[in-house]
């Protein structure tokens, strides 16, 4: 097959694909965007750290809280696994948004967070 025949065949395929996409209702000229556009009113989604900071602002961290206790409180508004909360709490300590302390629970010393 010569290069001219190959190019001609590819152009025919391109036309057929465009017709199929047009019939299916999607535009072939515009590729799907990888990023989702923000909402119309400009409100951003709250992250896990936003939820934890909200708890801090409510005064939850005036008493020492373990990661498990924080996880239980966050679950109501932001469902996630305990490990994510533990990691985010340690990151917030590094960013100086929380302080680390020790708390005795059932005779065992555990890491706790306070503000």
Protein backbone atom coordinates (compact mmCIF):
# COMPACT_ATOMS: atom_id res chain seq x y z
CA UNK A 1 0.00 0.00 0.00
CA UNK A 2 1.42 3.35 -0.96
CA UNK A 3 1.51 6.32 1.39
CA UNK A 4 -1.15 8.13 -0.68
CA UNK A 5 -3.53 5.18 -0.36
CA UNK A 6 -2.84 4.96 3.36
CA UNK A 7 -3.54 8.68 3.87
CA UNK A 8 -6.75 8.38 1.86
CA UNK A 9 -7.92 5.41 3.96
CA UNK A 10 -7.13 7.28 7.20
CA UNK A 11 -9.14 10.30 6.05
CA UNK A 12 -12.11 8.06 5.27
CA UNK A 13 -11.85 6.51 8.74
CA UNK A 14 -11.71 9.99 10.28
CA UNK A 15 -14.89 10.99 8.43
CA UNK A 16 -16.67 7.82 9.57
CA UNK A 17 -15.64 8.38 13.20
CA UNK A 18 -16.84 12.00 13.07
CA UNK A 19 -20.21 10.87 11.69
CA UNK A 20 -20.58 8.20 14.40
CA UNK A 21 -19.75 10.67 17.15
CA UNK A 22 -22.16 13.21 15.69
CA UNK A 23 -24.91 10.60 15.63
CA UNK A 24 -24.11 9.63 19.25
CA UNK A 25 -24.45 13.27 20.31
CA UNK A 26 -20.88 14.22 21.18
CA UNK A 27 -18.80 16.69 19.26
CA UNK A 28 -15.63 15.20 17.74
CA UNK A 29 -13.91 18.59 17.47
CA UNK A 30 -13.85 19.24 21.22
CA UNK A 31 -11.91 16.75 23.34
CA UNK A 32 -13.33 16.04 26.78
CA UNK A 33 -11.89 18.31 29.41
CA UNK A 34 -9.80 16.59 32.05
CA UNK A 35 -10.54 19.16 34.71
CA UNK A 36 -14.00 19.76 35.99
CA UNK A 37 -15.07 23.32 35.85
CA UNK A 38 -15.92 25.05 39.10
CA UNK A 39 -19.50 25.55 40.08
CA UNK A 40 -21.35 28.57 38.82
CA UNK A 41 -21.42 30.43 42.12
CA UNK A 42 -17.68 29.95 42.66
CA UNK A 43 -18.03 27.91 45.84
CA UNK A 44 -15.17 25.49 46.31
CA UNK A 45 -15.43 22.01 47.72
CA UNK A 46 -14.21 21.63 51.26
CA UNK A 47 -11.21 19.39 51.78
CA UNK A 48 -10.50 17.19 54.78
CA UNK A 49 -8.22 19.83 56.27
CA UNK A 50 -11.01 22.42 55.86
CA UNK A 51 -13.34 20.19 57.86
CA UNK A 52 -10.74 19.64 60.58
CA UNK A 53 -10.02 23.38 60.75
CA UNK A 54 -13.76 23.93 61.09
CA UNK A 55 -13.76 21.60 64.09
CA UNK A 56 -10.80 23.52 65.50
CA UNK A 57 -12.66 26.80 65.10
CA UNK A 58 -15.66 25.29 66.94
CA UNK A 59 -13.36 24.60 69.89
CA UNK A 60 -13.16 20.82 69.59
CA UNK A 61 -9.38 20.92 70.04
CA UNK A 62 -9.54 22.91 73.28
CA UNK A 63 -9.36 19.44 74.87
CA UNK A 64 -6.94 16.85 73.57
CA UNK A 65 -8.39 14.70 70.79
CA UNK A 66 -6.96 11.47 69.38
CA UNK A 67 -7.11 10.76 65.66
CA UNK A 68 -9.91 8.26 66.27
CA UNK A 69 -12.00 10.88 68.08
CA UNK A 70 -11.43 13.43 65.32
CA UNK A 71 -12.32 10.79 62.74
CA UNK A 72 -15.65 10.13 64.48
CA UNK A 73 -16.49 13.84 64.44
CA UNK A 74 -15.43 14.35 60.81
CA UNK A 75 -17.40 11.31 59.58
CA UNK A 76 -20.70 13.19 59.85
CA UNK A 77 -19.75 15.74 57.21
CA UNK A 78 -16.81 14.16 55.37
CA UNK A 79 -16.79 10.35 55.15
CA UNK A 80 -13.25 8.96 54.89
CA UNK A 81 -11.01 6.33 56.43
CA UNK A 82 -9.16 6.78 59.72
CA UNK A 83 -5.76 6.68 58.03
CA UNK A 84 -6.52 9.82 56.00
CA UNK A 85 -7.45 11.70 59.15
CA UNK A 86 -4.24 10.55 60.88
CA UNK A 87 -2.10 11.71 57.97
CA UNK A 88 -3.88 15.05 57.68
CA UNK A 89 -3.55 15.71 61.42
CA UNK A 90 0.20 15.11 61.27
CA UNK A 91 0.46 17.44 58.26
CA UNK A 92 -1.47 20.10 60.13
CA UNK A 93 1.04 19.83 63.00
CA UNK A 94 3.86 20.48 60.53
CA UNK A 95 1.94 23.50 59.15
CA UNK A 96 1.46 24.66 62.78
CA UNK A 97 -2.32 24.54 62.53
CA UNK A 98 -2.49 22.09 65.44
CA UNK A 99 -0.19 20.99 68.25
CA UNK A 100 0.77 17.45 69.19
CA UNK A 101 0.32 16.12 72.74
CA UNK A 102 0.01 12.83 74.62
CA UNK A 103 -3.17 11.37 76.03
CA UNK A 104 -3.68 8.24 78.12
CA UNK A 105 -6.57 6.11 76.84
CA UNK A 106 -7.32 2.78 78.54
CA UNK A 107 -3.91 2.80 80.20
CA UNK A 108 -2.03 3.38 76.92
CA UNK A 109 -0.37 6.59 75.84
CA UNK A 110 -1.62 7.81 72.48
CA UNK A 111 -0.84 10.79 70.26
CA UNK A 112 -3.40 13.52 70.68
CA UNK A 113 -3.93 16.89 69.03
CA UNK A 114 -4.80 20.18 70.68
CA UNK A 115 -5.07 23.88 69.85
